[in-house]
Amino acid sequence: MALSLLSFTSASPLALLDPLKVNPRVGASNQATFLGKNFIKTKSFTRTSMAVAVEVSKFNEVTMAPPDPILGVSEAFRADTNEMKLNLGVGAYRTEDLQPYVLDVVKKAENLMLERGENKEYLPIEGLAAFNKATAELLFGAGSSVLQQQRVATVQGLSGTGSLRLAAVLIERYFPGAKVLISAPTWGNHKNIFNDAGVPWSEYRYYDPKTVGLDFDGMISDIKAATAGSFVLLHGCAHNPTGIDPTPEQWEVIADVIQEKNHIPFFDVAYQGFASGSLDEDASSVRLFADRGMELLVAQSYSKNLGLYSERIGAINVVCSSSEVAQRVKSQLKRIARPMYSNPPIHGARIVANVVGTPDLFNEWKEEMALMAGRIKSVRQKLYDSITSKEKTSKDWSFILKQIGMFSFTGLNKAQSENMTSKWHVYMTKDGRISLAGLSAAKCDYLADAIIDSYHNVS
């Protein structure tokens, strides 16, 4: 037991002995017990010294972790008492009143579960069968050849993060030394996931700060220069954090280069239906690669498009060259999941299965998704209009309208982003990303003032 001695003075006539030993030369009459410890009685006309044994923690070498750069924004926001404050850090949808929103179709799906009296038994390691079927069809299309030929290994995961982690471990085990190429910038958790799984990664150019647009030539050049057989992490739609997506023609070129280099495409699809409002349009990039006969990985999440943030529901899909290979890949994904979390939660899986598998609910979901996507598009336009009406220079802000999805990459640097928070009480990530899903039309003018002030008056 590791002990340290803390000494102080006391009016008590007791001095601490070694708690494990009693001095045999001291008579019993001169010994006393206090809180289970042995002490020596001492004579003192003033005060007596006393030493207290304090156990040193075996975790003393554990350092304090830095706050999460995204979730930490919400913590700072909650502590702010200013009535004009805005939380544009976390990617979570809010109503025009800036309140969390539970989709009506989700409530109906949950009512179905109650009416059926469904149990809470363990799911198989791979998840709910009805969910896996629904999510794969939603991603690839019900009539997709990869599904008809049973070439897709689908395993339910813990939303997008957990699904990415399953794939990362698969890569580490069966593609030792293979590198994952990640866009610069990318979602803040991507690097953490691959680091913790022991998978090396490097970046390819994506964002061009001069145009606040896509550095397509840089992207293609870096993918071409990568070692053959690398994994290329791609955002299926609504790139996070930039909101900048390749055009359909550019996606074709990206697919060409990946095929030429024998790379393996790895899609992160977190916003299907939530970006454009169309499930099919937002899955077009993934379907392009699948239709070419390429083997690929796709992680899915239902946090945004169904608002199931806390349900942690998603999937990892691996498109293989044959059904036999898909079965083997699925068996290994299950093997990875077993010691990690054993089996996935059932509630969110049943919600998705009920919504996608019930025609009336499915149609209602598409309508609600279109409304959510439409609100984000409207505040994007409103913000652009507010900024351009206040802008006194020739600064071009049109990139705001060219971006898609819930995020906008403002082009503000770290110092300017900090000014947004310290002066204007606008909470955002330090890379200049703002979540338009957390903005109301009523606060667009205020945000425009904050952006213009930060851009022009902070170097």
Protein backbone atom coordinates (compact mmCIF):
# COMPACT_ATOMS: atom_id res chain seq x y z
CA MET A 1 0.00 0.00 0.00
CA ALA A 2 1.47 3.34 -1.00
CA LEU A 3 1.25 5.84 1.86
CA SER A 4 2.31 9.42 2.37
CA LEU A 5 2.47 11.18 5.72
CA LEU A 6 0.64 14.43 6.23
CA SER A 7 1.89 16.20 9.38
CA PHE A 8 0.02 18.84 11.32
CA THR A 9 -0.36 20.02 14.89
CA SER A 10 -3.23 19.26 17.16
CA ALA A 11 -4.34 19.79 20.71
CA SER A 12 -4.87 16.03 20.92
CA PRO A 13 -2.27 14.20 23.08
CA LEU A 14 -1.86 11.51 20.40
CA ALA A 15 1.00 10.90 17.99
CA LEU A 16 0.57 8.42 15.17
CA LEU A 17 2.50 5.18 15.18
CA ASP A 18 3.20 3.10 12.13
CA PRO A 19 -0.28 1.54 11.69
CA LEU A 20 1.30 -1.83 10.89
CA LYS A 21 3.70 -1.96 13.88
CA VAL A 22 3.55 -1.18 17.59
CA ASN A 23 6.77 -0.31 19.36
CA PRO A 24 7.26 -3.18 21.78
CA ARG A 25 9.29 -0.99 24.12
CA VAL A 26 6.32 1.21 24.77
CA GLY A 27 4.08 -0.11 27.47
CA ALA A 28 0.41 -0.77 26.82
CA SER A 29 -0.50 1.97 29.23
CA ASN A 30 1.27 4.48 27.00
CA GLN A 31 -0.56 3.30 23.83
CA ALA A 32 -3.97 4.35 22.62
CA THR A 33 -6.21 3.56 19.67
CA PHE A 34 -7.89 6.20 17.51
CA LEU A 35 -9.99 5.29 14.41
CA GLY A 36 -8.38 1.87 14.39
CA LYS A 37 -4.80 3.23 14.47
CA ASN A 38 -2.26 2.83 17.25
CA PHE A 39 -0.87 5.99 18.83
CA ILE A 40 1.63 6.81 21.56
CA LYS A 41 0.43 8.93 24.43
CA THR A 42 2.78 11.86 24.87
CA LYS A 43 3.04 14.50 27.48
CA SER A 44 2.83 18.03 26.22
CA PHE A 45 2.06 21.30 27.93
CA THR A 46 1.22 23.06 24.66
CA ARG A 47 0.23 21.00 21.65
CA THR A 48 1.02 17.65 20.12
CA SER A 49 2.21 16.81 16.59
CA MET A 50 0.10 14.31 14.70
CA ALA A 51 0.86 12.56 11.39
CA VAL A 52 -2.00 11.12 9.32
CA ALA A 53 -1.40 8.38 6.78
CA VAL A 54 -2.90 9.23 3.35
CA GLU A 55 -3.01 6.55 0.67
CA VAL A 56 -1.55 7.66 -2.67
CA SER A 57 -3.89 6.78 -5.58
CA LYS A 58 -2.72 4.08 -7.92
CA PHE A 59 -4.15 6.29 -10.70
CA ASN A 60 -1.91 9.27 -9.89
CA GLU A 61 -0.21 9.01 -13.28
CA VAL A 62 -3.54 9.46 -15.14
CA THR A 63 -3.60 12.96 -16.62
CA MET A 64 -6.64 15.13 -17.25
CA ALA A 65 -7.97 14.62 -20.79
CA PRO A 66 -8.65 17.74 -22.85
CA PRO A 67 -12.32 18.60 -23.41
CA ASP A 68 -13.89 17.27 -26.58
CA PRO A 69 -13.62 20.01 -29.23
CA ILE A 70 -17.25 19.54 -30.31
CA LEU A 71 -19.13 18.39 -27.21
CA GLY A 72 -17.17 20.89 -25.12
CA VAL A 73 -18.84 23.69 -27.08
CA SER A 74 -22.23 22.72 -25.66
CA GLU A 75 -20.87 22.71 -22.13
CA ALA A 76 -19.58 26.28 -22.54
CA PHE A 77 -22.88 27.31 -24.14
CA ARG A 78 -24.91 26.05 -21.19
CA ALA A 79 -22.79 28.08 -18.79
CA ASP A 80 -23.41 31.33 -20.74
CA THR A 81 -26.29 33.47 -19.42
CA ASN A 82 -26.47 35.92 -22.35
CA GLU A 83 -29.95 35.87 -23.92
CA MET A 84 -28.54 36.22 -27.46
CA LYS A 85 -26.31 33.17 -27.22
CA LEU A 86 -26.34 30.64 -30.06
CA ASN A 87 -25.11 27.06 -30.04
CA LEU A 88 -23.92 26.31 -33.56
CA GLY A 89 -21.36 23.72 -32.51
CA VAL A 90 -23.11 20.36 -32.30
CA GLY A 91 -24.79 18.92 -35.37
CA ALA A 92 -28.27 18.37 -33.99
CA TYR A 93 -31.47 19.57 -35.63
CA ARG A 94 -33.52 22.26 -33.91
CA THR A 95 -36.93 23.75 -34.69
CA GLU A 96 -37.39 27.41 -35.57
CA ASP A 97 -37.79 27.93 -31.81
CA LEU A 98 -34.38 26.26 -31.40
CA GLN A 99 -35.86 23.29 -29.54
CA PRO A 100 -34.98 19.60 -30.01
CA TYR A 101 -37.33 17.82 -32.39
CA VAL A 102 -38.69 14.28 -32.14
CA LEU A 103 -40.13 13.25 -35.50
CA ASP A 104 -43.84 12.41 -35.53
CA VAL A 105 -43.05 9.26 -37.48
CA VAL A 106 -40.70 8.13 -34.69
CA LYS A 107 -43.49 8.52 -32.13
CA LYS A 108 -45.80 6.45 -34.32
CA ALA A 109 -43.15 3.75 -34.75
CA GLU A 110 -42.71 3.60 -30.98
CA ASN A 111 -46.47 3.31 -30.50
CA LEU A 112 -46.41 0.32 -32.84
CA MET A 113 -43.81 -1.30 -30.61
CA LEU A 114 -46.00 -0.78 -27.55
CA GLU A 115 -49.09 -2.11 -29.28
CA ARG A 116 -47.23 -5.27 -30.30
CA GLY A 117 -45.90 -5.79 -26.80
CA GLU A 118 -42.44 -6.58 -28.12
CA ASN A 119 -39.90 -7.99 -25.68
CA LYS A 120 -36.43 -6.83 -24.68
CA GLU A 121 -34.51 -10.02 -25.39
CA TYR A 122 -30.91 -9.92 -26.60
CA LEU A 123 -30.44 -9.33 -30.31
CA PRO A 124 -28.08 -11.52 -32.31
CA ILE A 125 -24.55 -10.11 -32.54
CA GLU A 126 -25.25 -8.83 -36.07
CA GLY A 127 -28.38 -6.99 -34.93
CA LEU A 128 -32.06 -6.97 -35.82
CA ALA A 129 -32.63 -8.78 -39.12
CA ALA A 130 -35.47 -6.48 -40.17
CA PHE A 131 -33.26 -3.45 -39.55
CA ASN A 132 -30.31 -4.86 -41.48
CA LYS A 133 -32.53 -5.60 -44.47
CA ALA A 134 -34.15 -2.15 -44.35
CA THR A 135 -30.91 -0.20 -43.95
CA ALA A 136 -29.14 -2.01 -46.80
CA GLU A 137 -32.08 -1.46 -49.15
CA LEU A 138 -32.25 2.20 -48.17
CA LEU A 139 -28.57 2.61 -48.99
CA PHE A 140 -28.15 0.58 -52.16
CA GLY A 141 -31.74 0.53 -53.45
CA ALA A 142 -34.13 -2.39 -53.05
CA GLY A 143 -33.42 -3.65 -56.57
CA SER A 144 -29.64 -3.31 -56.34
CA SER A 145 -27.64 -6.13 -57.87
CA VAL A 146 -25.30 -6.25 -54.86
CA LEU A 147 -28.29 -7.12 -52.65
CA GLN A 148 -29.86 -9.54 -55.09
CA GLN A 149 -26.54 -11.36 -55.33
CA GLN A 150 -26.17 -11.28 -51.51
CA ARG A 151 -22.77 -9.61 -51.79
CA VAL A 152 -23.26 -7.23 -48.85
CA ALA A 153 -22.26 -8.05 -45.28
CA THR A 154 -24.42 -5.84 -43.04
CA VAL A 155 -23.98 -5.64 -39.28
CA GLN A 156 -25.91 -3.30 -36.99
CA GLY A 157 -23.53 -0.93 -35.19
CA LEU A 158 -23.59 1.71 -32.48
CA SER A 159 -24.56 4.54 -34.82
CA GLY A 160 -21.96 5.91 -37.23
CA THR A 161 -19.12 6.03 -34.71
CA GLY A 162 -19.49 2.41 -33.65
CA SER A 163 -19.91 1.25 -37.24
CA LEU A 164 -16.74 3.07 -38.27
CA ARG A 165 -14.91 1.46 -35.36
CA LEU A 166 -15.99 -2.06 -36.41
CA ALA A 167 -14.63 -1.37 -39.90
CA ALA A 168 -11.41 0.11 -38.50
CA VAL A 169 -10.71 -3.05 -36.50
CA LEU A 170 -11.47 -5.17 -39.57
CA ILE A 171 -8.91 -3.15 -41.53
CA GLU A 172 -6.30 -3.46 -38.78
CA ARG A 173 -6.71 -7.24 -38.61
CA TYR A 174 -6.96 -8.18 -42.25
CA PHE A 175 -5.11 -5.38 -44.05
CA PRO A 176 -2.06 -4.93 -41.79
CA GLY A 177 -0.14 -1.78 -42.62
CA ALA A 178 -2.82 -0.46 -44.98
CA LYS A 179 -3.38 3.27 -44.64
CA VAL A 180 -6.68 5.13 -44.59
CA LEU A 181 -6.76 8.40 -46.54
CA ILE A 182 -8.85 11.05 -44.79
CA SER A 183 -10.01 14.39 -46.18
CA ALA A 184 -8.44 17.57 -44.83
CA PRO A 185 -10.48 18.61 -42.93
CA THR A 186 -12.83 15.88 -41.75
CA TRP A 187 -15.19 15.07 -38.89
CA GLY A 188 -13.23 15.43 -35.66
CA ASN A 189 -13.77 11.84 -34.50
CA HIS A 190 -12.47 10.08 -37.62
CA LYS A 191 -8.83 10.36 -36.58
CA ASN A 192 -9.62 9.24 -33.03
CA ILE A 193 -11.36 6.11 -34.32
CA PHE A 194 -8.47 5.01 -36.52
CA ASN A 195 -5.85 5.97 -33.94
CA ASP A 196 -7.51 3.85 -31.26
CA ALA A 197 -7.87 0.93 -33.68
CA GLY A 198 -4.17 1.15 -34.58
CA VAL A 199 -4.84 2.00 -38.23
CA PRO A 200 -2.41 4.47 -39.85
CA TRP A 201 -3.91 7.37 -41.78
CA SER A 202 -2.88 10.33 -43.86
CA GLU A 203 -4.77 13.24 -45.36
CA TYR A 204 -5.73 14.15 -48.89
CA ARG A 205 -6.43 17.71 -49.90
CA TYR A 206 -10.11 18.64 -49.93
CA TYR A 207 -10.83 22.18 -48.75
CA ASP A 208 -9.44 25.19 -50.60
CA PRO A 209 -9.37 28.20 -48.24
CA LYS A 210 -8.87 30.60 -51.15
CA THR A 211 -12.19 29.71 -52.74
CA VAL A 212 -13.88 28.24 -49.64
CA GLY A 213 -14.63 25.38 -52.01
CA LEU A 214 -13.35 21.97 -53.09
CA ASP A 215 -9.69 21.52 -53.99
CA PHE A 216 -10.58 18.88 -56.54
CA ASP A 217 -7.23 18.82 -58.32
CA GLY A 218 -5.42 18.43 -55.00
CA MET A 219 -7.79 15.67 -53.94
CA ILE A 220 -7.26 13.67 -57.13
CA SER A 221 -3.51 14.19 -57.04
CA ASP A 222 -3.23 12.91 -53.48
CA ILE A 223 -5.42 9.86 -54.11
CA LYS A 224 -3.29 9.03 -57.16
CA ALA A 225 -0.08 9.40 -55.15
CA ALA A 226 -1.22 7.09 -52.35
CA THR A 227 0.09 3.54 -52.08
CA ALA A 228 -2.03 1.13 -54.12
CA GLY A 229 -4.60 -0.69 -52.02
CA SER A 230 -5.17 2.16 -49.58
CA PHE A 231 -8.60 2.82 -48.09
CA VAL A 232 -10.10 6.16 -49.12
CA LEU A 233 -12.56 7.59 -46.60
CA LEU A 234 -15.26 9.54 -48.43
CA HIS A 235 -18.27 11.47 -47.11
CA GLY A 236 -21.29 10.14 -49.01
CA CYS A 237 -23.06 13.50 -48.90
CA ALA A 238 -23.01 16.77 -46.93
CA HIS A 239 -19.30 16.69 -46.15
CA ASN A 240 -18.58 17.39 -42.49
CA PRO A 241 -17.33 20.00 -41.65
CA THR A 242 -17.23 21.89 -44.95
CA GLY A 243 -20.64 21.18 -46.50
CA ILE A 244 -18.78 20.98 -49.83
CA ASP A 245 -19.60 17.95 -52.00
CA PRO A 246 -18.15 16.86 -55.34
CA THR A 247 -20.42 17.25 -58.36
CA PRO A 248 -21.79 14.08 -60.03
CA GLU A 249 -19.13 14.49 -62.72
CA GLN A 250 -16.40 14.79 -60.11
CA TRP A 251 -17.64 11.67 -58.34
CA GLU A 252 -17.13 9.79 -61.61
CA VAL A 253 -13.51 10.93 -61.77
CA ILE A 254 -12.95 10.01 -58.11
CA ALA A 255 -14.28 6.51 -58.83
CA ASP A 256 -12.03 6.23 -61.89
CA VAL A 257 -8.89 7.08 -59.90
CA ILE A 258 -9.77 4.76 -57.00
CA GLN A 259 -10.32 1.89 -59.44
CA GLU A 260 -7.09 2.63 -61.30
CA LYS A 261 -5.09 2.62 -58.06
CA ASN A 262 -6.86 -0.48 -56.71
CA HIS A 263 -7.87 1.48 -53.63
CA ILE A 264 -10.83 0.50 -51.47
CA PRO A 265 -13.54 3.16 -51.07
CA PHE A 266 -14.85 3.61 -47.53
CA PHE A 267 -17.96 5.79 -47.24
CA ASP A 268 -19.26 7.51 -44.13
CA VAL A 269 -22.98 8.18 -44.73
CA ALA A 270 -24.38 10.18 -41.83
CA TYR A 271 -26.90 12.39 -43.63
CA GLN A 272 -28.81 10.29 -46.18
CA GLY A 273 -32.02 12.16 -46.99
CA PHE A 274 -31.08 14.97 -44.63
CA ALA A 275 -28.80 16.82 -47.05
CA SER A 276 -30.91 17.27 -50.17
CA GLY A 277 -34.19 15.99 -48.76
CA SER A 278 -34.02 12.96 -51.07
CA LEU A 279 -32.88 9.53 -49.87
CA ASP A 280 -31.97 8.45 -53.38
CA GLU A 281 -30.06 11.59 -54.32
CA ASP A 282 -28.01 11.48 -51.14
CA ALA A 283 -27.07 7.83 -51.78
CA SER A 284 -26.06 8.40 -55.40
CA SER A 285 -22.31 8.50 -54.70
CA VAL A 286 -22.37 5.13 -52.91
CA ARG A 287 -24.54 3.54 -55.60
CA LEU A 288 -22.18 4.80 -58.30
CA PHE A 289 -19.28 2.85 -56.79
CA ALA A 290 -21.41 -0.24 -56.05
CA ASP A 291 -22.79 -0.31 -59.60
CA ARG A 292 -19.24 -0.36 -60.95
CA GLY A 293 -18.70 -3.67 -59.19
CA MET A 294 -16.22 -2.27 -56.69
CA GLU A 295 -15.72 -3.73 -53.24
CA LEU A 296 -16.35 -1.05 -50.63
CA LEU A 297 -17.29 -0.25 -47.03
CA VAL A 298 -20.14 2.01 -45.94
CA ALA A 299 -20.92 3.18 -42.41
CA GLN A 300 -24.45 4.50 -41.78
CA SER A 301 -26.07 6.54 -39.04
CA TYR A 302 -29.69 7.42 -38.21
CA SER A 303 -28.87 10.16 -35.73
CA LYS A 304 -29.65 12.98 -38.14
CA ASN A 305 -32.22 11.77 -40.66
CA LEU A 306 -34.49 10.18 -38.02
CA GLY A 307 -33.34 12.30 -35.10
CA LEU A 308 -32.29 9.17 -33.17
CA TYR A 309 -29.23 10.80 -31.61
CA SER A 310 -29.34 8.95 -28.30
CA GLU A 311 -30.50 5.59 -29.69
CA ARG A 312 -27.06 4.92 -31.24
CA ILE A 313 -28.37 3.15 -34.29
CA GLY A 314 -26.40 2.61 -37.48
CA ALA A 315 -24.73 -0.11 -39.55
CA ILE A 316 -21.55 -1.14 -41.29
CA ASN A 317 -21.96 -2.56 -44.78
CA VAL A 318 -19.17 -4.30 -46.69
CA VAL A 319 -19.78 -4.91 -50.38
CA CYS A 320 -17.79 -7.97 -51.45
CA SER A 321 -17.00 -9.73 -54.71
CA SER A 322 -19.23 -12.71 -53.91
CA SER A 323 -21.81 -13.93 -51.41
CA GLU A 324 -19.30 -16.44 -50.02
CA VAL A 325 -16.80 -13.67 -49.23
CA ALA A 326 -19.59 -11.54 -47.73
CA GLN A 327 -20.49 -14.37 -45.34
CA ARG A 328 -16.90 -14.63 -44.16
CA VAL A 329 -16.58 -10.87 -43.71
CA LYS A 330 -19.82 -10.78 -41.73
CA SER A 331 -18.58 -13.58 -39.46
CA GLN A 332 -15.47 -11.55 -38.65
CA LEU A 333 -17.42 -8.36 -38.02
CA LYS A 334 -19.52 -10.33 -35.52
CA ARG A 335 -16.34 -11.67 -33.96
CA ILE A 336 -15.08 -8.10 -33.52
CA ALA A 337 -18.37 -6.90 -32.03
CA ARG A 338 -18.70 -9.72 -29.50
CA PRO A 339 -15.95 -8.64 -27.05
CA MET A 340 -16.56 -4.97 -27.79
CA TYR A 341 -20.27 -4.69 -26.84
CA SER A 342 -21.63 -8.23 -27.31
CA ASN A 343 -24.80 -7.24 -29.17
CA PRO A 344 -26.44 -3.96 -30.19
CA PRO A 345 -29.46 -2.17 -28.65
CA ILE A 346 -32.90 -3.01 -29.98
CA HIS A 347 -35.01 0.13 -29.55
CA GLY A 348 -33.58 2.27 -32.34
CA ALA A 349 -33.32 -0.71 -34.66
CA ARG A 350 -37.04 -1.40 -34.30
CA ILE A 351 -37.87 2.25 -34.95
CA VAL A 352 -35.93 2.23 -38.22
CA ALA A 353 -37.35 -1.14 -39.25
CA ASN A 354 -40.91 0.02 -38.54
CA VAL A 355 -40.49 3.30 -40.39
CA VAL A 356 -38.80 1.88 -43.46
CA GLY A 357 -40.89 -1.30 -43.50
CA THR A 358 -44.31 0.37 -43.18
CA PRO A 359 -45.30 2.19 -46.41
CA ASP A 360 -47.39 4.88 -44.71
CA LEU A 361 -44.67 5.62 -42.15
CA PHE A 362 -41.98 5.55 -44.80
CA ASN A 363 -43.79 8.14 -46.91
CA GLU A 364 -44.43 10.28 -43.85
CA TRP A 365 -40.74 10.08 -42.94
CA LYS A 366 -39.72 11.32 -46.36
CA GLU A 367 -42.06 14.28 -45.95
CA GLU A 368 -40.65 15.14 -42.53
CA MET A 369 -37.09 14.82 -43.83
CA ALA A 370 -37.91 17.18 -46.67
CA LEU A 371 -39.31 19.68 -44.14
CA MET A 372 -36.16 19.50 -41.98
CA ALA A 373 -33.86 19.80 -44.97
CA GLY A 374 -36.04 22.64 -46.27
CA ARG A 375 -35.76 24.59 -43.03
CA ILE A 376 -31.97 24.33 -43.11
CA LYS A 377 -31.91 25.48 -46.75
CA SER A 378 -34.11 28.45 -45.88
CA VAL A 379 -31.88 29.64 -43.01
CA ARG A 380 -28.85 29.15 -45.25
CA GLN A 381 -30.44 31.49 -47.80
CA LYS A 382 -31.55 33.92 -45.08
CA LEU A 383 -28.04 34.05 -43.60
CA TYR A 384 -26.53 34.70 -47.01
CA ASP A 385 -29.05 37.47 -47.67
CA SER A 386 -28.36 39.04 -44.27
CA ILE A 387 -24.58 38.98 -44.74
CA THR A 388 -24.62 40.38 -48.26
CA SER A 389 -26.99 43.18 -47.24
CA LYS A 390 -24.56 44.24 -44.52
CA GLU A 391 -21.29 43.63 -46.38
CA LYS A 392 -19.58 46.88 -47.40
CA THR A 393 -16.68 45.35 -49.33
CA SER A 394 -16.38 43.15 -52.41
CA LYS A 395 -16.07 40.00 -50.28
CA ASP A 396 -17.85 37.10 -52.02
CA TRP A 397 -20.05 35.08 -49.66
CA SER A 398 -21.70 32.91 -52.33
CA PHE A 399 -19.93 29.82 -51.00
CA ILE A 400 -22.59 29.70 -48.29
CA LEU A 401 -25.21 28.81 -50.89
CA LYS A 402 -22.96 26.32 -52.68
CA GLN A 403 -22.51 24.24 -49.55
CA ILE A 404 -25.05 21.58 -48.59
CA GLY A 405 -26.40 19.93 -45.47
CA MET A 406 -26.53 21.10 -41.90
CA PHE A 407 -23.06 22.68 -41.77
CA SER A 408 -21.45 25.74 -43.27
CA PHE A 409 -17.71 26.29 -43.32
CA THR A 410 -17.48 30.04 -42.83
CA GLY A 411 -13.82 30.47 -43.66
CA LEU A 412 -13.24 32.10 -40.26
CA ASN A 413 -9.91 31.26 -38.65
CA LYS A 414 -9.34 30.28 -35.03
CA ALA A 415 -8.95 33.85 -33.73
CA GLN A 416 -12.06 34.98 -35.61
CA SER A 417 -14.03 32.00 -34.33
CA GLU A 418 -12.97 32.82 -30.78
CA ASN A 419 -14.20 36.39 -31.29
CA MET A 420 -17.58 34.96 -32.35
CA THR A 421 -17.81 33.32 -28.93
CA SER A 422 -16.17 35.85 -26.61
CA LYS A 423 -17.85 38.92 -28.08
CA TRP A 424 -21.01 37.65 -29.74
CA HIS A 425 -21.82 34.55 -27.64
CA VAL A 426 -21.94 32.39 -30.77
CA TYR A 427 -20.61 28.95 -29.87
CA MET A 428 -18.95 27.04 -32.71
CA THR A 429 -15.92 24.86 -33.40
CA LYS A 430 -12.62 26.67 -33.78
CA ASP A 431 -12.20 25.58 -37.40
CA GLY A 432 -14.97 27.99 -38.48
CA ARG A 433 -17.75 25.42 -38.85
CA ILE A 434 -21.27 26.40 -37.89
CA SER A 435 -24.34 24.16 -37.70
CA LEU A 436 -27.21 25.79 -39.56
CA ALA A 437 -29.51 23.22 -37.98
CA GLY A 438 -29.12 25.20 -34.75
CA LEU A 439 -29.94 28.55 -36.35
CA SER A 440 -33.36 30.19 -36.59
CA ALA A 441 -34.46 32.69 -39.22
CA ALA A 442 -35.02 35.20 -36.42
CA LYS A 443 -31.34 35.15 -35.47
CA CYS A 444 -29.82 35.28 -38.96
CA ASP A 445 -29.28 39.06 -38.80
CA TYR A 446 -27.52 38.75 -35.43
CA LEU A 447 -25.29 35.97 -36.74
CA ALA A 448 -24.52 38.00 -39.87
CA ASP A 449 -23.34 40.91 -37.71
CA ALA A 450 -21.12 38.56 -35.73
CA ILE A 451 -19.57 37.00 -38.84
CA ILE A 452 -18.89 40.33 -40.55
CA ASP A 453 -17.36 41.83 -37.42
CA SER A 454 -15.16 38.77 -36.82
CA TYR A 455 -14.05 38.48 -40.44
CA HIS A 456 -13.16 42.15 -40.96
CA ASN A 457 -12.00 43.24 -37.51
CA VAL A 458 -10.05 40.21 -36.26
CA SER A 459 -6.89 39.23 -38.10
